Amino acid sequence: MFGAFSDIDYQSNRARTPSEAAVKRLDGIGHVLSELDLAGMQTQDNLTRMLLTLDTADKCIRSIRAEFRTEVANDRLARKAEDLMALIERARDELTGCRTAKS
């Protein structure tokens, strides 16, 4: 699962500006998140791995936001980060609901 994050840095290295690199990183994180199969959860190990992936993505997004917080012209970056963090929160809520329903 974490191997999927490795391509994100390669794509961001091809960006022209630091802000563009950050947006590309967020796009890559969004791609990784879109590949997660919440419905296919079968075991507690799957749930644990999925939650760890979501936590890692959340930490990456927060790190990117912190790096560009002082720049005024990054509304796109801030909006994308907020959207991804909301997606992560919804996924966590869904997974937590699945765990309590299966217990």
N, C-alpha and C. Protein backbone atom coordinates (compact mmCIF):
# COMPACT_ATOMS: atom_id res chain seq x y z
N MET A 1 0.82 -1.18 0.00
CA MET A 1 0.00 0.00 0.00
C MET A 1 0.87 1.26 0.00
N PHE A 2 1.94 1.28 0.81
CA PHE A 2 2.76 2.48 0.89
C PHE A 2 3.61 2.67 -0.35
N GLY A 3 3.81 1.61 -1.13
CA GLY A 3 4.52 1.75 -2.39
C GLY A 3 3.81 2.70 -3.34
N ALA A 4 2.51 2.83 -3.18
CA ALA A 4 1.74 3.73 -4.01
C ALA A 4 2.14 5.18 -3.79
N PHE A 5 2.64 5.50 -2.61
CA PHE A 5 3.05 6.86 -2.31
C PHE A 5 4.38 7.22 -2.97
N SER A 6 5.18 6.23 -3.37
CA SER A 6 6.51 6.50 -3.91
C SER A 6 6.46 7.26 -5.23
N ASP A 7 5.45 7.04 -6.05
CA ASP A 7 5.34 7.72 -7.34
C ASP A 7 5.00 9.20 -7.16
N ILE A 8 4.44 9.56 -6.03
CA ILE A 8 4.02 10.94 -5.80
C ILE A 8 5.23 11.87 -5.84
N ASP A 9 6.32 11.52 -5.20
CA ASP A 9 7.50 12.37 -5.22
C ASP A 9 8.11 12.48 -6.62
N TYR A 10 8.07 11.41 -7.38
CA TYR A 10 8.59 11.46 -8.75
C TYR A 10 7.82 12.50 -9.57
N GLN A 11 6.50 12.47 -9.47
CA GLN A 11 5.67 13.43 -10.21
C GLN A 11 5.91 14.86 -9.73
N SER A 12 6.05 15.04 -8.43
CA SER A 12 6.23 16.39 -7.91
C SER A 12 7.60 16.96 -8.26
N ASN A 13 8.58 16.11 -8.47
CA ASN A 13 9.91 16.59 -8.87
C ASN A 13 9.89 17.20 -10.26
N ARG A 14 8.90 16.87 -11.07
CA ARG A 14 8.80 17.40 -12.42
C ARG A 14 8.04 18.72 -12.47
N ALA A 15 7.61 19.24 -11.35
CA ALA A 15 6.87 20.49 -11.29
C ALA A 15 7.82 21.68 -11.48
N ARG A 16 7.25 22.80 -11.94
CA ARG A 16 8.05 23.99 -12.20
C ARG A 16 8.23 24.88 -10.98
N THR A 17 7.24 24.91 -10.11
CA THR A 17 7.32 25.76 -8.92
C THR A 17 7.06 24.92 -7.68
N PRO A 18 7.49 25.38 -6.53
CA PRO A 18 7.22 24.63 -5.30
C PRO A 18 5.73 24.45 -5.04
N SER A 19 4.94 25.47 -5.33
CA SER A 19 3.50 25.36 -5.13
C SER A 19 2.89 24.32 -6.06
N GLU A 20 3.36 24.29 -7.30
CA GLU A 20 2.89 23.29 -8.26
C GLU A 20 3.29 21.89 -7.81
N ALA A 21 4.48 21.77 -7.23
CA ALA A 21 4.92 20.48 -6.71
C ALA A 21 4.01 20.02 -5.58
N ALA A 22 3.60 20.95 -4.72
CA ALA A 22 2.71 20.60 -3.62
C ALA A 22 1.35 20.15 -4.14
N VAL A 23 0.83 20.83 -5.15
CA VAL A 23 -0.46 20.43 -5.74
C VAL A 23 -0.34 19.05 -6.36
N LYS A 24 0.78 18.78 -7.03
CA LYS A 24 0.98 17.44 -7.62
C LYS A 24 1.05 16.37 -6.53
N ARG A 25 1.69 16.69 -5.41
CA ARG A 25 1.74 15.74 -4.30
C ARG A 25 0.33 15.46 -3.78
N LEU A 26 -0.47 16.52 -3.63
CA LEU A 26 -1.85 16.33 -3.17
C LEU A 26 -2.66 15.53 -4.19
N ASP A 27 -2.44 15.79 -5.47
CA ASP A 27 -3.12 14.99 -6.50
C ASP A 27 -2.75 13.52 -6.38
N GLY A 28 -1.47 13.25 -6.12
CA GLY A 28 -1.01 11.87 -5.95
C GLY A 28 -1.64 11.20 -4.74
N ILE A 29 -1.74 11.95 -3.65
CA ILE A 29 -2.38 11.41 -2.45
C ILE A 29 -3.85 11.12 -2.74
N GLY A 30 -4.50 12.03 -3.46
CA GLY A 30 -5.89 11.80 -3.85
C GLY A 30 -6.04 10.55 -4.70
N HIS A 31 -5.08 10.33 -5.58
CA HIS A 31 -5.12 9.12 -6.42
C HIS A 31 -5.00 7.86 -5.56
N VAL A 32 -4.07 7.88 -4.62
CA VAL A 32 -3.90 6.74 -3.71
C VAL A 32 -5.20 6.49 -2.95
N LEU A 33 -5.80 7.56 -2.44
CA LEU A 33 -7.04 7.41 -1.67
C LEU A 33 -8.17 6.88 -2.54
N SER A 34 -8.21 7.29 -3.80
CA SER A 34 -9.28 6.82 -4.67
C SER A 34 -9.16 5.33 -4.99
N GLU A 35 -7.97 4.78 -4.83
CA GLU A 35 -7.75 3.36 -5.09
C GLU A 35 -8.12 2.47 -3.91
N LEU A 36 -8.38 3.05 -2.75
CA LEU A 36 -8.72 2.25 -1.57
C LEU A 36 -10.09 1.62 -1.73
N ASP A 37 -10.21 0.37 -1.33
CA ASP A 37 -11.47 -0.37 -1.45
C ASP A 37 -12.07 -0.56 -0.07
N LEU A 38 -12.85 0.42 0.36
CA LEU A 38 -13.46 0.35 1.69
C LEU A 38 -14.47 -0.79 1.78
N ALA A 39 -15.15 -1.05 0.70
CA ALA A 39 -16.18 -2.09 0.70
C ALA A 39 -15.57 -3.49 0.78
N GLY A 40 -14.32 -3.62 0.39
CA GLY A 40 -13.69 -4.94 0.35
C GLY A 40 -13.03 -5.35 1.66
N MET A 41 -13.36 -4.67 2.73
CA MET A 41 -12.76 -4.99 4.03
C MET A 41 -13.24 -6.37 4.49
N GLN A 42 -12.29 -7.26 4.75
CA GLN A 42 -12.63 -8.62 5.15
C GLN A 42 -12.18 -8.95 6.57
N THR A 43 -11.03 -8.42 6.97
CA THR A 43 -10.45 -8.82 8.24
C THR A 43 -10.05 -7.61 9.07
N GLN A 44 -9.73 -7.87 10.31
CA GLN A 44 -9.23 -6.81 11.19
C GLN A 44 -7.89 -6.28 10.68
N ASP A 45 -7.06 -7.16 10.11
CA ASP A 45 -5.79 -6.72 9.54
C ASP A 45 -6.01 -5.74 8.39
N ASN A 46 -7.01 -6.02 7.54
CA ASN A 46 -7.34 -5.10 6.45
C ASN A 46 -7.76 -3.74 7.00
N LEU A 47 -8.57 -3.77 8.03
CA LEU A 47 -9.04 -2.53 8.65
C LEU A 47 -7.86 -1.75 9.24
N THR A 48 -6.99 -2.43 9.93
CA THR A 48 -5.82 -1.78 10.52
C THR A 48 -4.94 -1.17 9.45
N ARG A 49 -4.69 -1.90 8.39
CA ARG A 49 -3.86 -1.41 7.29
C ARG A 49 -4.50 -0.21 6.61
N MET A 50 -5.82 -0.26 6.43
CA MET A 50 -6.53 0.85 5.80
C MET A 50 -6.47 2.10 6.67
N LEU A 51 -6.68 1.94 7.97
CA LEU A 51 -6.61 3.09 8.87
C LEU A 51 -5.20 3.67 8.93
N LEU A 52 -4.19 2.82 8.89
CA LEU A 52 -2.81 3.29 8.86
C LEU A 52 -2.53 4.08 7.58
N THR A 53 -3.05 3.61 6.47
CA THR A 53 -2.89 4.31 5.20
C THR A 53 -3.56 5.68 5.26
N LEU A 54 -4.77 5.73 5.81
CA LEU A 54 -5.47 7.01 5.94
C LEU A 54 -4.72 7.96 6.85
N ASP A 55 -4.19 7.45 7.95
CA ASP A 55 -3.41 8.29 8.87
C ASP A 55 -2.15 8.83 8.19
N THR A 56 -1.48 7.99 7.42
CA THR A 56 -0.28 8.42 6.71
C THR A 56 -0.61 9.50 5.69
N ALA A 57 -1.69 9.31 4.94
CA ALA A 57 -2.11 10.31 3.96
C ALA A 57 -2.45 11.62 4.66
N ASP A 58 -3.14 11.55 5.78
CA ASP A 58 -3.50 12.75 6.54
C ASP A 58 -2.24 13.50 7.00
N LYS A 59 -1.26 12.76 7.49
CA LYS A 59 -0.01 13.39 7.94
C LYS A 59 0.74 14.04 6.78
N CYS A 60 0.73 13.40 5.63
CA CYS A 60 1.37 13.97 4.44
C CYS A 60 0.69 15.27 4.04
N ILE A 61 -0.62 15.27 4.03
CA ILE A 61 -1.38 16.46 3.66
C ILE A 61 -1.10 17.59 4.64
N ARG A 62 -1.10 17.29 5.92
CA ARG A 62 -0.82 18.32 6.93
C ARG A 62 0.59 18.89 6.78
N SER A 63 1.53 18.04 6.43
CA SER A 63 2.90 18.49 6.22
C SER A 63 2.99 19.43 5.01
N ILE A 64 2.33 19.07 3.94
CA ILE A 64 2.32 19.91 2.75
C ILE A 64 1.66 21.25 3.06
N ARG A 65 0.54 21.21 3.76
CA ARG A 65 -0.15 22.47 4.13
C ARG A 65 0.74 23.34 5.00
N ALA A 66 1.43 22.75 5.95
CA ALA A 66 2.29 23.53 6.85
C ALA A 66 3.42 24.20 6.08
N GLU A 67 3.94 23.52 5.09
CA GLU A 67 5.04 24.06 4.30
C GLU A 67 4.61 25.29 3.49
N PHE A 68 3.34 25.33 3.07
CA PHE A 68 2.88 26.41 2.20
C PHE A 68 1.86 27.32 2.88
N ARG A 69 1.75 27.24 4.17
CA ARG A 69 0.77 28.03 4.91
C ARG A 69 0.98 29.53 4.77
N THR A 70 2.22 29.97 4.66
CA THR A 70 2.51 31.41 4.63
C THR A 70 2.30 32.04 3.26
N GLU A 71 2.17 31.24 2.23
CA GLU A 71 1.97 31.79 0.89
C GLU A 71 0.51 32.17 0.70
N VAL A 72 0.29 33.37 0.18
CA VAL A 72 -1.06 33.88 0.00
C VAL A 72 -1.71 33.29 -1.26
N ALA A 73 -0.93 33.05 -2.28
CA ALA A 73 -1.49 32.67 -3.58
C ALA A 73 -1.70 31.17 -3.72
N ASN A 74 -2.00 30.48 -2.65
CA ASN A 74 -2.19 29.03 -2.78
C ASN A 74 -3.58 28.59 -2.37
N ASP A 75 -4.60 29.34 -2.77
CA ASP A 75 -5.97 28.96 -2.46
C ASP A 75 -6.30 27.58 -3.01
N ARG A 76 -5.82 27.29 -4.21
CA ARG A 76 -6.06 25.98 -4.82
C ARG A 76 -5.47 24.87 -3.95
N LEU A 77 -4.28 25.11 -3.47
CA LEU A 77 -3.61 24.14 -2.60
C LEU A 77 -4.39 23.92 -1.31
N ALA A 78 -4.80 25.01 -0.67
CA ALA A 78 -5.55 24.91 0.58
C ALA A 78 -6.89 24.20 0.37
N ARG A 79 -7.58 24.54 -0.70
CA ARG A 79 -8.88 23.92 -1.00
C ARG A 79 -8.73 22.42 -1.25
N LYS A 80 -7.71 22.06 -2.03
CA LYS A 80 -7.46 20.64 -2.33
C LYS A 80 -7.12 19.87 -1.06
N ALA A 81 -6.28 20.47 -0.21
CA ALA A 81 -5.91 19.82 1.05
C ALA A 81 -7.13 19.62 1.94
N GLU A 82 -7.98 20.63 2.05
CA GLU A 82 -9.18 20.51 2.86
C GLU A 82 -10.12 19.43 2.32
N ASP A 83 -10.27 19.37 1.00
CA ASP A 83 -11.12 18.36 0.38
C ASP A 83 -10.60 16.95 0.67
N LEU A 84 -9.29 16.76 0.57
CA LEU A 84 -8.71 15.45 0.84
C LEU A 84 -8.85 15.07 2.31
N MET A 85 -8.66 16.04 3.19
CA MET A 85 -8.79 15.74 4.62
C MET A 85 -10.24 15.39 4.97
N ALA A 86 -11.20 16.02 4.32
CA ALA A 86 -12.61 15.68 4.53
C ALA A 86 -12.89 14.28 4.01
N LEU A 87 -12.30 13.92 2.88
CA LEU A 87 -12.46 12.58 2.33
C LEU A 87 -11.90 11.53 3.29
N ILE A 88 -10.74 11.82 3.86
CA ILE A 88 -10.13 10.90 4.82
C ILE A 88 -11.02 10.74 6.04
N GLU A 89 -11.57 11.83 6.51
CA GLU A 89 -12.44 11.77 7.70
C GLU A 89 -13.70 10.94 7.41
N ARG A 90 -14.30 11.12 6.23
CA ARG A 90 -15.48 10.31 5.86
C ARG A 90 -15.11 8.83 5.77
N ALA A 91 -13.94 8.53 5.19
CA ALA A 91 -13.50 7.14 5.08
C ALA A 91 -13.27 6.54 6.45
N ARG A 92 -12.65 7.31 7.35
CA ARG A 92 -12.45 6.82 8.73
C ARG A 92 -13.78 6.53 9.39
N ASP A 93 -14.73 7.45 9.24
CA ASP A 93 -16.05 7.24 9.83
C ASP A 93 -16.72 5.98 9.29
N GLU A 94 -16.59 5.79 7.98
CA GLU A 94 -17.18 4.59 7.37
C GLU A 94 -16.50 3.33 7.88
N LEU A 95 -15.18 3.35 7.99
CA LEU A 95 -14.45 2.19 8.47
C LEU A 95 -14.77 1.91 9.94
N THR A 96 -14.86 2.93 10.72
CA THR A 96 -15.18 2.76 12.14
C THR A 96 -16.58 2.19 12.29
N GLY A 97 -17.50 2.63 11.44
CA GLY A 97 -18.85 2.07 11.43
C GLY A 97 -18.86 0.62 11.05
N CYS A 98 -18.01 0.27 10.07
CA CYS A 98 -17.91 -1.14 9.64
C CYS A 98 -17.37 -2.00 10.77
N ARG A 99 -16.39 -1.46 11.50
CA ARG A 99 -15.78 -2.25 12.57
C ARG A 99 -16.78 -2.53 13.67
N THR A 100 -17.56 -1.51 14.05
CA THR A 100 -18.52 -1.74 15.12
C THR A 100 -19.67 -2.62 14.66
N ALA A 101 -20.00 -2.55 13.37
CA ALA A 101 -21.07 -3.40 12.85
C ALA A 101 -20.66 -4.85 12.80
N LYS A 102 -19.38 -5.13 12.52
CA LYS A 102 -18.88 -6.50 12.43
C LYS A 102 -18.56 -7.10 13.79
N SER A 103 -18.36 -6.26 14.80
CA SER A 103 -17.98 -6.78 16.14
C SER A 103 -19.13 -7.44 16.83
